[in-house]
Amino acid sequence: MNLIDLSIRRPVFAWVLMFSLIAFGAISLNRMGISQMPDIDFPILSISVTYEGAAPEVVEAELLDPIEAKLLSIEGIKEMRSVGQQGSGRVTLEFDINRNVDVALQEVQAAISQLRLPTGIDPPVIRKQNPEEDPIIYLSVFGGKDMREMIVWSDNYFLDQLRFLPGVGEVAIQGFSERNLRVWIDPAKLKENFLTVNDVVEALRTQHIESAAGQFTEEQRELRVRWLGEATDPKEVGNILILRRGGSIIFNKRIKISDVARVEDGLSDVRRLARVDGTPALNITVKKQRGTNEV
């Protein structure tokens, strides 16, 4: 007995089956993800690492070569490529098509965790290659305001509005210089006070901080103590005292950072540019969550 004969003999069952299929189809249609590209993980991993200010040769010798040496022991690597540039580097691994990319990712993470990178280097970022993770929309912000004002407004307000939209996975801003506290040192004033750049750096490193300072106990009370040394504006940074000269304590003079340098709340060096019709702008990329409706 086939489905046609069963439907003729039992019409009520046929109607129930039909309405059930329609109901489940309507529910599935409402929840079905729509995307231009399929949600698949290619057997390709990329390891990105940043080394601010380092030349490509230094990036290759200090970062890329040790990373490649650690990754050679991983099974199933079909091809390994690396690219070093000013301040950053990237290693790309292509595995056999039958290799489980999630298992390969765990093995790469384990190998990278054993590396001893130079001081101050952020941990490498490991990513899988998936068309679903490509941006679905590009936005540009530009206008008659100063670039710094647009950066602050976008970072503090506009990006948060986009991140809380349903289905949005990641929002990134590009083509701008990050807000930065800049200390412009005057070599002549340094020489006049017999100081070096390292003395200024040491003063900032040891005093421009906020950290725990233990606890204070008095009878029935116990208070937590914090060291509130972090400055909140350029003027406070300029008032930080330089306490040591070449490692020795300075006794006979009070020297502040503002005496040998100019402190300003500015932007980092321009490394990226974005323009709309010749006007400086900010680029914003929006990525959707995996499996959600792209439309």
Protein backbone atom coordinates (compact mmCIF):
# COMPACT_ATOMS: atom_id res chain seq x y z
CA MET A 1 0.00 0.00 0.00
CA ASN A 2 1.53 3.25 -1.15
CA LEU A 3 0.87 6.79 0.12
CA ILE A 4 -1.83 7.46 -2.51
CA ASP A 5 -3.84 4.38 -1.56
CA LEU A 6 -3.45 5.21 2.15
CA SER A 7 -4.67 8.79 1.59
CA ILE A 8 -7.77 7.56 -0.33
CA ARG A 9 -8.66 4.95 2.28
CA ARG A 10 -7.98 7.31 5.24
CA PRO A 11 -8.70 10.90 4.16
CA VAL A 12 -8.57 12.25 7.72
CA PHE A 13 -5.02 11.00 8.12
CA ALA A 14 -4.10 12.62 4.79
CA TRP A 15 -5.54 15.98 5.90
CA VAL A 16 -3.68 15.84 9.25
CA LEU A 17 -0.44 14.94 7.48
CA MET A 18 -0.86 17.78 4.98
CA PHE A 19 -1.62 20.42 7.62
CA SER A 20 1.31 19.20 9.72
CA LEU A 21 3.68 19.57 6.78
CA ILE A 22 2.34 23.07 6.09
CA ALA A 23 2.74 24.10 9.74
CA PHE A 24 6.28 22.74 10.03
CA GLY A 25 7.18 24.32 6.69
CA ALA A 26 5.93 27.73 7.82
CA ILE A 27 7.92 27.48 11.08
CA SER A 28 11.06 26.37 9.25
CA LEU A 29 10.70 29.12 6.66
CA ASN A 30 10.59 31.76 9.39
CA ARG A 31 13.75 30.38 11.04
CA MET A 32 15.72 29.43 7.94
CA GLY A 33 19.02 31.24 7.48
CA ILE A 34 19.64 32.99 4.18
CA SER A 35 23.17 33.62 2.99
CA GLN A 36 24.96 34.23 -0.29
CA MET A 37 27.69 31.70 0.55
CA PRO A 38 27.36 28.24 2.16
CA ASP A 39 28.20 27.80 5.85
CA ILE A 40 31.24 25.56 5.55
CA ASP A 41 34.69 25.57 7.13
CA PHE A 42 37.50 25.28 4.60
CA PRO A 43 40.56 23.30 5.78
CA ILE A 44 42.53 26.56 6.05
CA LEU A 45 43.77 28.27 9.21
CA SER A 46 45.50 31.64 9.51
CA ILE A 47 47.69 32.75 12.42
CA SER A 48 48.10 36.53 12.73
CA VAL A 49 50.52 38.26 15.08
CA THR A 50 51.33 41.93 15.70
CA TYR A 51 54.71 43.45 16.60
CA GLU A 52 54.33 47.24 16.69
CA GLY A 53 57.16 49.14 15.05
CA ALA A 54 59.11 46.06 13.94
CA ALA A 55 60.58 45.83 10.44
CA PRO A 56 59.55 42.90 8.21
CA GLU A 57 62.95 41.25 8.75
CA VAL A 58 62.49 41.40 12.53
CA VAL A 59 58.94 40.04 12.26
CA GLU A 60 60.24 37.13 10.19
CA ALA A 61 63.14 36.29 12.52
CA GLU A 62 61.42 36.84 15.87
CA LEU A 63 57.88 35.64 15.13
CA LEU A 64 57.29 33.85 11.84
CA ASP A 65 60.27 31.48 11.91
CA PRO A 66 59.54 30.19 15.48
CA ILE A 67 55.83 29.81 14.65
CA GLU A 68 56.59 27.83 11.49
CA ALA A 69 59.02 25.59 13.39
CA LYS A 70 56.32 24.74 15.94
CA LEU A 71 53.65 24.09 13.31
CA LEU A 72 55.70 21.70 11.19
CA SER A 73 54.96 18.82 13.56
CA ILE A 74 51.18 19.06 13.02
CA GLU A 75 49.73 16.25 10.94
CA GLY A 76 47.96 16.79 7.63
CA ILE A 77 49.49 20.11 6.53
CA LYS A 78 49.33 20.39 2.76
CA GLU A 79 50.86 23.85 2.38
CA MET A 80 52.28 26.53 4.69
CA ARG A 81 52.64 30.18 3.64
CA SER A 82 53.85 33.17 5.65
CA VAL A 83 53.84 36.91 5.01
CA GLY A 84 55.79 39.47 7.04
CA GLN A 85 55.23 43.20 6.84
CA GLN A 86 55.82 46.31 8.88
CA GLY A 87 54.53 45.61 12.40
CA SER A 88 52.71 42.35 11.70
CA GLY A 89 52.90 38.89 10.17
CA ARG A 90 50.61 36.07 9.12
CA VAL A 91 51.06 32.32 8.65
CA THR A 92 48.48 30.44 6.54
CA LEU A 93 48.03 26.67 6.84
CA GLU A 94 46.18 24.57 4.25
CA PHE A 95 45.26 21.03 5.34
CA ASP A 96 44.14 17.96 3.45
CA ILE A 97 40.47 18.11 2.45
CA ASN A 98 39.62 15.17 4.74
CA ARG A 99 41.26 16.76 7.79
CA ASN A 100 38.89 17.83 10.58
CA VAL A 101 39.53 21.58 10.77
CA ASP A 102 38.27 21.85 14.37
CA VAL A 103 40.76 19.23 15.55
CA ALA A 104 43.50 20.94 13.53
CA LEU A 105 42.59 24.24 15.19
CA GLN A 106 43.03 22.72 18.65
CA GLU A 107 46.41 21.26 17.67
CA VAL A 108 47.56 24.63 16.30
CA GLN A 109 46.45 26.37 19.50
CA ALA A 110 48.38 23.83 21.58
CA ALA A 111 51.53 24.31 19.48
CA ILE A 112 51.31 28.12 19.58
CA SER A 113 50.80 28.11 23.37
CA GLN A 114 54.27 26.56 23.77
CA LEU A 115 55.98 29.50 22.07
CA ARG A 116 57.88 32.10 24.06
CA LEU A 117 57.27 35.36 22.22
CA PRO A 118 59.22 38.59 22.81
CA THR A 119 58.07 40.77 25.71
CA GLY A 120 55.05 42.94 24.95
CA ILE A 121 53.74 40.84 22.05
CA ASP A 122 50.04 40.01 22.10
CA PRO A 123 49.14 36.32 21.69
CA PRO A 124 48.67 35.26 18.03
CA VAL A 125 45.12 35.23 16.67
CA ILE A 126 44.06 31.96 15.00
CA ARG A 127 41.11 32.00 12.60
CA LYS A 128 39.28 29.52 10.40
CA GLN A 129 38.35 30.47 6.86
CA ASN A 130 34.60 30.52 6.37
CA PRO A 131 32.60 32.50 3.77
CA GLU A 132 29.95 33.07 6.48
CA GLU A 133 32.41 35.28 8.36
CA ASP A 134 32.83 37.78 5.53
CA PRO A 135 31.24 41.23 6.10
CA ILE A 136 27.71 41.55 4.77
CA ILE A 137 27.65 45.35 4.70
CA TYR A 138 30.14 48.23 4.60
CA LEU A 139 29.31 51.63 6.09
CA SER A 140 31.16 54.95 5.88
CA VAL A 141 30.99 57.84 8.35
CA PHE A 142 32.14 61.25 7.17
CA GLY A 143 31.20 64.88 7.59
CA GLY A 144 32.39 68.36 8.47
CA LYS A 145 33.52 67.46 11.98
CA ASP A 146 37.08 66.84 13.07
CA MET A 147 38.26 63.24 12.58
CA ARG A 148 38.88 62.80 16.31
CA GLU A 149 35.30 63.83 17.12
CA MET A 150 33.92 61.37 14.57
CA ILE A 151 36.08 58.57 16.01
CA VAL A 152 34.90 59.26 19.57
CA TRP A 153 31.23 59.46 18.50
CA SER A 154 31.42 56.29 16.41
CA ASP A 155 33.28 54.30 19.08
CA ASN A 156 31.17 55.43 22.05
CA TYR A 157 27.71 55.55 20.47
CA PHE A 158 27.21 54.39 16.88
CA LEU A 159 29.04 51.06 17.09
CA ASP A 160 27.11 50.08 20.23
CA GLN A 161 23.82 50.69 18.43
CA LEU A 162 24.89 48.33 15.64
CA ARG A 163 26.26 45.61 17.93
CA PHE A 164 22.93 45.19 19.74
CA LEU A 165 20.91 44.62 16.57
CA PRO A 166 19.50 41.06 16.30
CA GLY A 167 21.69 38.76 14.22
CA VAL A 168 24.76 41.01 14.21
CA GLY A 169 27.91 39.07 15.10
CA GLU A 170 30.78 41.56 14.87
CA VAL A 171 31.16 45.25 14.07
CA ALA A 172 34.63 46.59 13.28
CA ILE A 173 35.87 50.07 12.46
CA GLN A 174 38.64 50.68 9.94
CA GLY A 175 40.52 53.50 8.26
CA PHE A 176 41.24 55.56 11.36
CA SER A 177 43.97 56.35 13.87
CA GLU A 178 43.31 55.24 17.43
CA ARG A 179 42.99 57.76 20.21
CA ASN A 180 46.39 58.04 21.84
CA LEU A 181 48.09 59.93 24.66
CA ARG A 182 51.21 61.38 23.07
CA VAL A 183 54.33 62.59 24.90
CA TRP A 184 56.50 64.80 22.67
CA ILE A 185 59.94 64.91 24.29
CA ASP A 186 62.21 67.95 23.83
CA PRO A 187 65.83 66.71 23.45
CA ALA A 188 67.25 70.10 24.46
CA LYS A 189 65.33 70.11 27.76
CA LEU A 190 66.37 66.51 28.41
CA LYS A 191 70.01 67.46 27.94
CA GLU A 192 69.58 70.51 30.17
CA ASN A 193 68.34 68.27 33.01
CA PHE A 194 70.84 65.46 32.28
CA LEU A 195 67.99 63.02 31.55
CA THR A 196 67.34 60.38 28.91
CA VAL A 197 64.24 59.07 27.19
CA ASN A 198 64.45 55.94 29.37
CA ASP A 199 64.07 58.12 32.49
CA VAL A 200 60.79 59.53 31.15
CA VAL A 201 59.56 56.07 30.14
CA GLU A 202 60.43 54.69 33.59
CA ALA A 203 58.51 57.52 35.30
CA LEU A 204 55.40 56.75 33.23
CA ARG A 205 55.74 53.00 33.71
CA THR A 206 56.06 53.16 37.50
CA GLN A 207 53.66 56.03 38.31
CA HIS A 208 50.99 56.10 35.61
CA ILE A 209 49.29 52.97 36.99
CA GLU A 210 46.34 51.91 39.12
CA SER A 211 46.80 48.76 41.16
CA ALA A 212 45.93 47.02 44.42
CA ALA A 213 47.95 48.21 47.44
CA GLY A 214 46.91 45.67 50.07
CA GLN A 215 44.50 46.23 52.95
CA PHE A 216 44.16 48.43 56.03
CA THR A 217 42.85 46.91 59.28
CA GLU A 218 41.58 49.00 62.20
CA GLU A 219 39.76 47.28 65.07
CA GLN A 220 36.54 45.91 63.54
CA ARG A 221 37.11 47.45 60.11
CA GLU A 222 39.08 46.15 57.16
CA LEU A 223 39.54 48.39 54.13
CA ARG A 224 40.88 47.57 50.71
CA VAL A 225 43.58 49.98 49.53
CA ARG A 226 44.22 50.95 45.92
CA TRP A 227 47.05 52.89 44.35
CA LEU A 228 45.28 55.61 42.31
CA GLY A 229 48.22 56.74 40.24
CA GLU A 230 46.65 56.59 36.78
CA ALA A 231 46.28 60.06 35.27
CA THR A 232 42.95 61.03 33.71
CA ASP A 233 44.04 63.89 31.42
CA PRO A 234 47.20 65.25 29.76
CA LYS A 235 47.72 67.83 32.50
CA GLU A 236 47.93 65.15 35.20
CA VAL A 237 50.36 63.15 33.05
CA GLY A 238 52.51 66.24 32.71
CA ASN A 239 52.59 66.62 36.52
CA ILE A 240 54.13 63.16 37.03
CA LEU A 241 57.55 63.53 38.65
CA ILE A 242 60.68 62.05 37.15
CA LEU A 243 62.23 60.51 40.25
CA ARG A 244 65.31 58.80 38.83
CA ARG A 245 68.19 59.83 36.58
CA GLY A 246 69.96 56.86 35.08
CA GLY A 247 68.61 54.60 37.82
CA SER A 248 69.70 56.91 40.68
CA ILE A 249 67.20 58.89 42.77
CA ILE A 250 67.06 62.67 42.09
CA PHE A 251 67.32 64.56 45.43
CA ASN A 252 68.13 68.17 44.62
CA LYS A 253 65.43 69.03 42.06
CA ARG A 254 61.77 68.37 41.24
CA ILE A 255 61.45 67.56 37.57
CA LYS A 256 58.04 66.93 36.02
CA ILE A 257 57.33 65.36 32.65
CA SER A 258 55.90 68.69 31.48
CA ASP A 259 59.34 70.27 32.10
CA VAL A 260 60.94 68.13 29.39
CA ALA A 261 58.02 67.15 27.14
CA ARG A 262 54.66 68.21 25.76
CA VAL A 263 51.71 65.94 26.55
CA GLU A 264 48.60 65.90 24.37
CA ASP A 265 45.47 63.83 23.88
CA GLY A 266 45.81 63.03 20.19
CA LEU A 267 45.79 60.20 17.68
CA SER A 268 48.30 57.51 16.82
CA ASP A 269 50.40 57.64 13.66
CA VAL A 270 48.39 57.44 10.45
CA ARG A 271 48.74 53.90 9.04
CA ARG A 272 45.34 53.52 7.35
CA LEU A 273 43.22 55.93 5.32
CA ALA A 274 39.58 55.85 4.24
CA ARG A 275 37.97 58.43 1.98
CA VAL A 276 34.54 59.03 0.46
CA ASP A 277 34.61 61.33 -2.57
CA GLY A 278 37.97 62.63 -1.36
CA THR A 279 36.69 63.36 2.16
CA PRO A 280 38.34 61.63 5.16
CA ALA A 281 35.98 58.98 6.52
CA LEU A 282 35.65 55.95 8.79
CA ASN A 283 34.83 52.53 7.36
CA ILE A 284 32.61 50.20 9.39
CA THR A 285 32.18 46.51 8.55
CA VAL A 286 29.28 44.43 9.85
CA LYS A 287 29.38 40.63 10.09
CA LYS A 288 26.36 38.47 10.84
CA GLN A 289 26.10 35.59 13.28
CA ARG A 290 26.52 32.14 11.81
CA GLY A 291 23.26 30.61 10.65
CA THR A 292 21.24 33.83 10.81
CA ASN A 293 19.31 35.44 7.97
CA GLU A 294 21.60 37.69 5.94
CA VAL A 295 18.67 39.66 4.53
